[in-house]
Amino acid sequence: ICGCTSNGQYYKPDQTIWGNDQCTKKCRCNPLTKKLDCVRAKCKASETCKVLKGVRGCHPVSYATCRASGDPHYKTFDGKTYDFMGTCVYRFSARISACGSRTIGAVVSPSLCQHVQRPGVWAVRRL
């Protein structure tokens, strides 16, 4: 046995699991001791502890959608709409926070754009 066994359940070396139903204890299979090492943990304020697709974990309370349609209409995760004209390469979404967070968002900034003839319409130079 290379991993750990706890309560009749086998875990691979270095596998992490939630140690209880409230997601307040995170455990890792220590390949040296062949035991689960557990520490206190909790979900973020924007997450809830639940089983999703058979796996217990911290999952977002809600989801958002971004959309691009035609030329040049964009709707960001927070519901704002933008019209961009141009032949640039666009980054539709990207990670915007550090430390491995799952948060993603559309990065839109007028400082990266060049204003065109009509108010409210922007040509992207770089995004």
Protein backbone atom coordinates (compact mmCIF):
# COMPACT_ATOMS: atom_id res chain seq x y z
CA ILE A 1 0.00 0.00 0.00
CA CYS A 2 1.54 3.29 -1.13
CA GLY A 3 -1.19 5.60 0.11
CA CYS A 4 -3.38 5.89 3.19
CA THR A 5 -6.42 4.05 4.47
CA SER A 6 -8.93 5.75 6.76
CA ASN A 7 -12.39 4.48 7.73
CA GLY A 8 -12.07 1.75 5.09
CA GLN A 9 -11.38 4.28 2.31
CA TYR A 10 -8.08 4.27 0.34
CA TYR A 11 -6.39 7.58 -0.62
CA LYS A 12 -3.47 8.06 -3.03
CA PRO A 13 -0.21 9.59 -1.74
CA ASP A 14 -0.56 13.40 -1.40
CA GLN A 15 -4.29 13.21 -2.23
CA THR A 16 -6.30 15.89 -0.41
CA ILE A 17 -9.86 15.49 0.82
CA TRP A 18 -12.32 17.26 3.07
CA GLY A 19 -12.24 15.48 6.41
CA ASN A 20 -15.86 16.24 7.35
CA ASP A 21 -19.26 17.17 5.91
CA GLN A 22 -18.94 20.86 6.85
CA CYS A 23 -15.66 21.47 4.95
CA THR A 24 -13.94 22.63 8.13
CA LYS A 25 -11.15 20.03 8.05
CA LYS A 26 -8.84 19.44 5.06
CA CYS A 27 -6.74 16.27 5.03
CA ARG A 28 -3.76 15.12 2.96
CA CYS A 29 -2.47 11.58 2.62
CA ASN A 30 1.08 11.64 3.94
CA PRO A 31 3.04 9.04 1.91
CA LEU A 32 5.72 8.76 4.63
CA THR A 33 3.42 8.02 7.58
CA LYS A 34 0.63 6.51 5.45
CA LYS A 35 -1.86 8.51 7.54
CA LEU A 36 -4.10 11.46 6.84
CA ASP A 37 -2.68 14.75 8.12
CA CYS A 38 -5.58 17.13 8.78
CA VAL A 39 -5.74 20.87 9.38
CA ARG A 40 -8.57 23.32 10.03
CA ALA A 41 -9.94 24.88 6.85
CA LYS A 42 -13.08 26.56 5.53
CA CYS A 43 -14.74 27.66 2.33
CA LYS A 44 -14.52 31.26 1.13
CA ALA A 45 -17.43 33.58 1.85
CA SER A 46 -18.45 33.29 -1.84
CA GLU A 47 -18.50 29.46 -1.65
CA THR A 48 -20.64 26.78 -0.05
CA CYS A 49 -19.69 23.28 1.09
CA LYS A 50 -21.54 20.63 -0.91
CA VAL A 51 -21.15 17.46 -2.94
CA LEU A 52 -20.91 18.14 -6.68
CA LYS A 53 -20.50 15.27 -9.16
CA GLY A 54 -19.80 12.93 -6.26
CA VAL A 55 -17.02 15.03 -4.72
CA ARG A 56 -17.38 17.12 -1.57
CA GLY A 57 -15.79 20.55 -1.80
CA CYS A 58 -16.15 24.31 -1.70
CA HIS A 59 -18.12 25.44 -4.72
CA PRO A 60 -19.22 28.94 -5.82
CA VAL A 61 -22.58 30.09 -4.49
CA SER A 62 -23.37 31.55 -7.90
CA TYR A 63 -21.99 31.67 -11.42
CA ALA A 64 -21.80 34.40 -14.03
CA THR A 65 -21.64 34.33 -17.81
CA CYS A 66 -19.78 36.50 -20.28
CA ARG A 67 -20.73 36.70 -23.93
CA ALA A 68 -19.35 37.91 -27.26
CA SER A 69 -21.66 38.22 -30.22
CA GLY A 70 -21.23 39.47 -33.72
CA ASP A 71 -18.91 42.38 -34.29
CA PRO A 72 -18.43 44.07 -31.85
CA HIS A 73 -20.66 43.29 -28.84
CA TYR A 74 -19.41 42.02 -25.46
CA LYS A 75 -21.13 41.45 -22.13
CA THR A 76 -18.85 40.96 -19.10
CA PHE A 77 -19.35 38.71 -16.07
CA ASP A 78 -20.75 41.63 -14.08
CA GLY A 79 -23.36 42.39 -16.75
CA LYS A 80 -21.71 45.46 -18.30
CA THR A 81 -21.83 45.76 -22.09
CA TYR A 82 -19.13 47.11 -24.41
CA ASP A 83 -18.77 47.63 -28.15
CA PHE A 84 -15.24 47.15 -29.55
CA MET A 85 -14.24 47.60 -33.18
CA GLY A 86 -10.97 46.42 -34.66
CA THR A 87 -8.92 43.55 -35.97
CA CYS A 88 -7.00 42.95 -32.77
CA VAL A 89 -6.50 39.70 -30.87
CA TYR A 90 -8.83 39.86 -27.85
CA ARG A 91 -8.51 38.12 -24.51
CA PHE A 92 -12.07 37.21 -23.65
CA SER A 93 -11.38 36.13 -20.06
CA ALA A 94 -8.41 35.51 -17.79
CA ARG A 95 -7.46 34.81 -14.18
CA ILE A 96 -7.42 38.13 -12.40
CA SER A 97 -6.38 37.13 -8.89
CA ALA A 98 -3.29 35.48 -7.49
CA CYS A 99 -2.72 32.43 -5.28
CA GLY A 100 -4.46 29.93 -7.54
CA SER A 101 -7.93 31.41 -7.11
CA ARG A 102 -10.55 30.11 -9.53
CA THR A 103 -11.91 33.60 -10.07
CA ILE A 104 -11.89 34.72 -13.70
CA GLY A 105 -13.15 37.90 -15.25
CA ALA A 106 -13.12 39.95 -18.38
CA VAL A 107 -10.46 42.63 -18.24
CA VAL A 108 -11.79 45.80 -19.86
CA SER A 109 -10.04 49.13 -19.43
CA PRO A 110 -10.48 52.33 -21.46
CA SER A 111 -6.78 53.08 -20.92
CA LEU A 112 -6.03 50.12 -23.21
CA CYS A 113 -8.40 51.35 -25.89
CA GLN A 114 -8.47 54.13 -28.43
CA HIS A 115 -11.72 56.10 -28.72
CA VAL A 116 -13.35 56.02 -32.16
CA GLN A 117 -15.83 58.39 -33.84
CA ARG A 118 -18.98 57.43 -31.90
CA PRO A 119 -19.29 57.86 -28.12
CA GLY A 120 -19.40 54.53 -26.30
CA VAL A 121 -17.61 52.64 -29.09
CA TRP A 122 -13.98 51.70 -28.56
CA ALA A 123 -11.27 50.23 -30.79
CA VAL A 124 -9.01 47.93 -28.84
CA ARG A 125 -5.29 48.44 -29.28
CA ARG A 126 -4.31 45.86 -26.68
CA LEU A 127 -6.35 43.94 -24.12
